[in-house]
Protein backbone atom coordinates (compact mmCIF):
# COMPACT_ATOMS: atom_id res chain seq x y z
CA MET A 1 -62.28 100.37 -22.36
CA GLN A 2 -59.23 98.75 -20.84
CA PRO A 3 -56.34 98.01 -23.20
CA THR A 4 -56.02 94.40 -24.26
CA THR A 5 -52.92 92.69 -22.92
CA ARG A 6 -51.05 90.69 -25.51
CA GLY A 7 -49.96 87.31 -24.28
CA TYR A 8 -48.04 84.48 -25.89
CA SER A 9 -48.56 83.79 -29.58
CA ARG A 10 -49.55 80.38 -30.92
CA SER A 11 -46.01 79.80 -32.20
CA THR A 12 -44.62 80.65 -28.77
CA ILE A 13 -46.92 78.12 -27.08
CA LEU A 14 -45.88 75.51 -29.65
CA LEU A 15 -42.20 76.23 -29.03
CA ILE A 16 -42.79 75.95 -25.28
CA GLY A 17 -44.12 72.44 -25.87
CA VAL A 18 -41.03 71.53 -27.89
CA CYS A 19 -38.77 72.90 -25.15
CA PHE A 20 -40.66 70.85 -22.58
CA VAL A 21 -40.05 67.70 -24.62
CA PHE A 22 -36.30 68.30 -24.37
CA SER A 23 -36.66 69.24 -20.71
CA GLY A 24 -38.31 65.90 -19.98
CA ALA A 25 -35.60 64.10 -21.94
CA THR A 26 -32.77 65.62 -19.90
CA GLY A 27 -34.54 64.90 -16.62
CA LEU A 28 -34.67 61.18 -17.34
CA ILE A 29 -31.14 61.16 -18.76
CA TYR A 30 -30.01 62.43 -15.38
CA GLU A 31 -32.11 59.81 -13.58
CA VAL A 32 -30.50 56.96 -15.52
CA LEU A 33 -27.06 58.50 -14.98
CA TRP A 34 -27.58 58.92 -11.25
CA ALA A 35 -28.79 55.33 -10.92
CA ARG A 36 -25.62 54.18 -12.70
CA MET A 37 -23.37 56.36 -10.53
CA LEU A 38 -25.09 55.43 -7.25
CA GLY A 39 -24.79 51.77 -8.18
CA LEU A 40 -21.02 52.21 -7.80
CA VAL A 41 -21.51 53.99 -4.46
CA PHE A 42 -23.92 51.47 -2.93
CA GLY A 43 -22.55 48.40 -4.68
CA ALA A 44 -26.12 47.15 -5.08
CA THR A 45 -28.48 47.99 -7.93
CA THR A 46 -31.69 47.76 -5.89
CA LEU A 47 -30.46 50.25 -3.28
CA ALA A 48 -29.22 52.61 -5.98
CA VAL A 49 -32.50 52.50 -7.94
CA SER A 50 -34.56 52.93 -4.76
CA THR A 51 -32.47 55.94 -3.70
CA VAL A 52 -32.68 57.63 -7.10
CA LEU A 53 -36.42 57.08 -7.37
CA ALA A 54 -37.01 58.34 -3.82
CA ALA A 55 -34.88 61.45 -4.41
CA PHE A 56 -36.35 62.03 -7.87
CA MET A 57 -40.00 61.67 -6.85
CA GLY A 58 -39.47 63.54 -3.59
CA GLY A 59 -37.87 66.45 -5.40
CA LEU A 60 -40.60 66.49 -8.05
CA ALA A 61 -43.27 66.55 -5.35
CA LEU A 62 -41.54 69.33 -3.40
CA GLY A 63 -40.92 71.46 -6.47
CA SER A 64 -44.47 70.97 -7.71
CA ALA A 65 -45.93 71.90 -4.32
CA VAL A 66 -43.84 75.06 -3.95
CA ALA A 67 -44.28 76.24 -7.53
CA GLY A 68 -47.99 75.40 -7.43
CA ARG A 69 -48.46 77.82 -4.54
CA LEU A 70 -46.36 80.58 -6.11
CA GLY A 71 -47.34 80.07 -9.76
CA ASP A 72 -50.16 82.60 -9.68
CA ARG A 73 -47.78 85.32 -8.46
CA ILE A 74 -45.13 84.85 -11.15
CA ARG A 75 -45.30 87.67 -13.69
CA LYS A 76 -42.80 86.23 -16.21
CA PRO A 77 -43.15 82.43 -16.02
CA LEU A 78 -41.07 81.67 -19.12
CA SER A 79 -38.08 83.54 -17.71
CA ILE A 80 -38.40 81.69 -14.40
CA TYR A 81 -38.62 78.40 -16.28
CA GLY A 82 -35.56 79.30 -18.35
CA TRP A 83 -33.45 80.10 -15.30
CA MET A 84 -34.57 76.88 -13.63
CA GLU A 85 -33.37 74.90 -16.66
CA ILE A 86 -30.00 76.67 -16.51
CA GLY A 87 -29.83 75.95 -12.77
CA ILE A 88 -30.50 72.24 -13.39
CA ALA A 89 -27.65 72.17 -15.92
CA ALA A 90 -25.20 73.88 -13.55
CA TYR A 91 -26.06 71.54 -10.69
CA ALA A 92 -25.91 68.44 -12.91
CA LEU A 93 -22.36 69.32 -13.93
CA LEU A 94 -21.40 69.46 -10.24
CA VAL A 95 -23.01 66.13 -9.27
CA PRO A 96 -19.94 63.95 -10.12
CA LEU A 97 -17.77 66.14 -7.86
CA MET A 98 -20.40 65.92 -5.13
CA PHE A 99 -20.46 62.12 -5.44
CA ARG A 100 -16.72 62.09 -4.77
CA TRP A 101 -17.26 64.27 -1.70
CA VAL A 102 -20.02 61.96 -0.47
CA ASP A 103 -17.69 58.96 -0.91
CA ASN A 104 -15.22 60.67 1.43
CA VAL A 105 -18.01 61.34 3.92
CA TYR A 106 -19.02 57.66 3.78
CA ALA A 107 -15.43 56.63 4.48
CA TRP A 108 -15.20 59.07 7.42
CA ILE A 109 -18.48 57.81 8.91
CA TRP A 110 -17.28 54.22 8.65
CA GLN A 111 -13.92 54.99 10.25
CA GLN A 112 -15.34 57.06 13.07
CA PHE A 113 -18.51 55.17 14.00
CA GLN A 114 -18.27 51.77 12.28
CA PRO A 115 -22.08 51.50 12.00
CA GLY A 116 -23.93 48.34 11.12
CA TYR A 117 -25.09 47.52 7.61
CA PHE A 118 -28.58 49.00 7.94
CA THR A 119 -27.39 52.14 9.73
CA PHE A 120 -24.66 52.70 7.18
CA SER A 121 -27.12 52.15 4.30
CA LEU A 122 -29.48 54.67 5.90
CA TRP A 123 -26.67 57.23 6.06
CA ARG A 124 -25.87 56.69 2.40
CA PHE A 125 -29.54 56.92 1.46
CA VAL A 126 -30.08 60.20 3.33
CA LEU A 127 -26.92 61.88 2.01
CA SER A 128 -27.60 60.78 -1.56
CA CYS A 129 -31.19 62.02 -1.43
CA LEU A 130 -30.12 65.39 -0.02
CA MET A 131 -27.51 65.73 -2.75
CA LEU A 132 -30.09 65.17 -5.50
CA LEU A 133 -32.87 67.20 -3.89
CA VAL A 134 -31.95 70.55 -5.48
CA PRO A 135 -32.05 69.56 -9.18
CA THR A 136 -35.10 67.34 -8.77
CA THR A 137 -36.97 70.13 -6.97
CA LEU A 138 -36.20 72.46 -9.86
CA MET A 139 -37.45 69.80 -12.28
CA GLY A 140 -40.66 69.42 -10.32
CA ALA A 141 -41.27 73.16 -10.40
CA THR A 142 -41.09 73.43 -14.20
CA LEU A 143 -44.54 72.02 -14.95
CA PRO A 144 -46.52 74.30 -12.57
CA VAL A 145 -44.60 77.34 -13.83
CA LEU A 146 -45.23 76.53 -17.49
CA SER A 147 -48.83 75.60 -16.69
CA ALA A 148 -49.32 79.07 -15.21
CA ALA A 149 -48.06 80.58 -18.47
CA VAL A 150 -50.35 78.41 -20.62
CA VAL A 151 -53.48 78.85 -18.50
CA ARG A 152 -52.94 82.57 -18.09
CA ASN A 153 -52.71 82.82 -21.87
CA GLY A 154 -56.21 81.39 -22.21
CA SER A 155 -55.11 77.93 -23.38
CA THR A 156 -56.41 74.63 -22.00
CA GLY A 157 -53.41 72.54 -23.04
CA VAL A 158 -51.94 71.79 -19.61
CA THR A 159 -52.56 68.06 -20.01
CA ARG A 160 -50.93 68.12 -23.43
CA LEU A 161 -48.00 70.00 -21.95
CA TYR A 162 -47.61 67.18 -19.43
CA ALA A 163 -47.83 64.64 -22.24
CA CYS A 164 -45.05 66.50 -24.13
CA ASN A 165 -42.85 66.25 -21.06
CA LEU A 166 -43.55 62.52 -20.76
CA VAL A 167 -42.75 61.92 -24.42
CA GLY A 168 -39.41 63.64 -23.90
CA ALA A 169 -38.84 61.59 -20.76
CA ILE A 170 -39.40 58.35 -22.70
CA LEU A 171 -36.95 59.41 -25.40
CA GLY A 172 -34.41 60.53 -22.79
CA THR A 173 -34.63 57.24 -20.89
CA LEU A 174 -34.05 55.13 -23.99
CA ALA A 175 -31.34 57.44 -25.34
CA ALA A 176 -29.44 57.46 -22.06
CA GLY A 177 -29.57 53.70 -21.47
CA PHE A 178 -29.03 52.44 -25.00
CA VAL A 179 -27.19 55.18 -26.91
CA LEU A 180 -25.49 57.90 -24.86
CA LEU A 181 -24.01 55.90 -21.98
CA PRO A 182 -22.67 53.01 -24.11
CA SER A 183 -21.29 55.39 -26.75
CA PHE A 184 -19.99 58.37 -24.78
CA GLY A 185 -19.77 57.39 -21.12
CA VAL A 186 -21.04 59.16 -18.01
CA ARG A 187 -19.16 62.47 -18.17
CA THR A 188 -19.88 63.25 -21.81
CA THR A 189 -23.54 62.27 -21.38
CA ILE A 190 -23.83 64.71 -18.48
CA VAL A 191 -22.35 67.47 -20.63
CA ILE A 192 -24.74 66.70 -23.50
CA ALA A 193 -27.77 66.85 -21.20
CA ALA A 194 -26.51 70.06 -19.55
CA VAL A 195 -26.03 71.75 -22.93
CA ILE A 196 -29.62 70.85 -23.85
CA ASN A 197 -30.86 72.33 -20.56
CA ILE A 198 -28.95 75.55 -21.17
CA ALA A 199 -30.27 75.81 -24.74
CA VAL A 200 -33.84 75.31 -23.53
CA GLY A 201 -33.33 77.91 -20.82
CA VAL A 202 -31.96 80.50 -23.22
CA ILE A 203 -34.83 79.90 -25.67
CA ALA A 204 -37.43 80.25 -22.90
CA ILE A 205 -35.92 83.51 -21.64
CA GLY A 206 -35.82 84.83 -25.21
CA LEU A 207 -39.47 83.90 -25.76
CA GLN A 208 -40.46 85.75 -22.60
CA ARG A 209 -38.66 88.89 -23.73
CA ARG A 210 -40.53 88.81 -27.05
CA SER A 211 -43.91 88.53 -25.30
CA GLN A 212 -45.90 90.89 -23.16
CA PRO A 213 -46.31 89.41 -19.66
CA ILE A 214 -49.88 88.77 -18.60
CA ALA A 215 -50.82 89.98 -15.15
CA PRO A 216 -51.72 87.13 -12.79
CA GLU A 217 -55.40 86.83 -11.97
CA PRO A 218 -56.58 86.09 -8.44
CA VAL A 219 -57.72 82.52 -8.03
CA GLU A 220 -60.63 81.75 -5.76
CA PRO A 221 -60.05 78.83 -3.40
CA VAL A 222 -61.95 75.67 -4.20
CA VAL A 223 -64.44 74.79 -1.49
CA GLY A 224 -65.10 71.11 -1.06
CA SER A 225 -65.53 68.34 1.44
CA SER A 226 -62.38 67.76 3.49
CA ASP A 227 -63.31 64.08 3.93
CA LYS A 228 -63.50 63.57 0.18
CA ASN A 229 -60.20 65.40 -0.34
CA LEU A 230 -58.54 63.25 2.31
CA PHE A 231 -59.80 60.09 0.61
CA TRP A 232 -58.34 61.10 -2.77
CA PHE A 233 -55.06 62.12 -1.16
CA ILE A 234 -54.78 58.70 0.47
CA ALA A 235 -55.71 57.01 -2.82
CA ALA A 236 -53.02 58.98 -4.67
CA LEU A 237 -50.48 58.09 -1.95
CA ALA A 238 -51.31 54.38 -2.21
CA SER A 239 -51.15 54.52 -6.01
CA GLY A 240 -47.72 56.16 -5.94
CA PHE A 241 -46.44 53.63 -3.39
CA VAL A 242 -47.54 50.67 -5.50
CA THR A 243 -46.24 52.22 -8.73
CA ILE A 244 -42.72 52.97 -7.51
CA SER A 245 -42.45 49.71 -5.57
CA THR A 246 -43.39 47.81 -8.71
CA GLN A 247 -40.84 49.78 -10.71
CA VAL A 248 -38.05 48.81 -8.31
CA SER A 249 -39.16 45.15 -8.27
CA TRP A 250 -39.38 44.91 -12.05
CA THR A 251 -35.95 46.49 -12.42
CA ARG A 252 -34.49 43.87 -10.08
CA ILE A 253 -36.19 41.00 -11.94
CA LEU A 254 -35.25 42.29 -15.39
CA THR A 255 -31.64 42.81 -14.30
CA MET A 256 -31.38 39.09 -13.51
CA VAL A 257 -32.80 38.30 -16.97
CA ILE A 258 -30.74 40.59 -19.23
CA GLY A 259 -27.72 41.01 -16.94
CA SER A 260 -27.45 44.81 -17.17
CA SER A 261 -28.90 47.10 -14.50
CA THR A 262 -28.70 50.17 -16.76
CA TYR A 263 -30.61 48.49 -19.59
CA ALA A 264 -33.14 47.01 -17.16
CA PHE A 265 -33.74 50.34 -15.42
CA SER A 266 -34.09 52.15 -18.76
CA ILE A 267 -36.60 49.63 -20.10
CA VAL A 268 -38.76 49.63 -16.97
CA VAL A 269 -38.80 53.42 -16.64
CA ALA A 270 -39.58 53.82 -20.35
CA LEU A 271 -42.51 51.39 -20.10
CA PHE A 272 -43.94 53.22 -17.09
CA LEU A 273 -43.59 56.57 -18.86
CA ILE A 274 -45.24 55.22 -22.02
CA GLY A 275 -48.24 54.27 -19.91
CA LEU A 276 -48.33 57.69 -18.24
CA ALA A 277 -48.01 59.49 -21.58
CA GLY A 278 -50.78 57.39 -23.11
CA GLY A 279 -53.08 58.12 -20.18
CA ALA A 280 -52.33 61.85 -20.29
CA TRP A 281 -52.97 61.96 -24.04
CA PHE A 282 -56.26 60.07 -23.69
CA ILE A 283 -57.52 62.26 -20.84
CA GLY A 284 -56.42 65.36 -22.75
CA ARG A 285 -58.57 64.32 -25.71
CA LYS A 286 -61.54 63.60 -23.44
CA ASP A 287 -61.20 67.00 -21.72
CA ARG A 288 -61.00 68.78 -25.06
CA SER A 289 -64.05 66.95 -26.40
CA ALA A 290 -66.01 67.79 -23.25
CA MET A 291 -65.08 71.46 -23.49
CA LEU A 292 -66.02 71.64 -27.17
CA ALA A 293 -69.36 70.02 -26.41
CA ALA A 294 -70.03 72.48 -23.58
CA THR A 295 -69.01 75.56 -25.57
CA PRO A 296 -71.98 77.28 -27.28
CA VAL A 297 -71.67 77.75 -31.05
CA LEU A 298 -71.68 81.41 -32.07
CA ARG A 299 -73.72 82.09 -35.20
């Protein structure tokens, strides 16, 4: 008989979920902060919100794609997750300095080339997105890495893990827009979020050291119709386009109503995340019920 490999305990999985709540909170705190900071750079709320959302979603997609391909090869996923959280904190602390550097680059571009409005806005958009690509990519990689740990442990709670992250994101959005920024300002809010990231990272690394790593299992490729896959990819692309476009439009409209771009952005993002969290929770319950119904009862 082969020896049984001990994985993560139930308490460890529960603590991972709690950590992921705080991880989601810090991610959206940064998003609200960056929208506020880029509003000063662009001088227009709509351009700032569009840039932050493009950089944030682009980084999440890139990180998810890369980590999704490598997740099955990671032997100690909790340690990798912990170091990613620490990396996000370190980069977030450097973002204000990088914004100052980008301001100097904008001034140099204007003095040297004197581009038109649209060309200059494109330069600002590209540089801002590149500057935010590293932390958002790390954020996007966290879910696939933690999902690999949960699935490898024999659990089916990936959807619930996603829901935990969304709940944290909702709390982080509201806290940043209505509590942290008005009370402490941008710099202190960044430090608070970075400290939370570091604490989550240290806890995750400690949990990994207490647990026996589970060897990755080879995953067989899913064979399906390429035409059907292409259809669903296009449908997902269209859905994402409509969702983010609506988010930008609603932020613009709400800003004209309540007079504050930070409050408007926080409210709109929180409402979108509440919908996503509700959908993830509902689907998670349906999946669990289906699995329980399909599982034979041992007598």
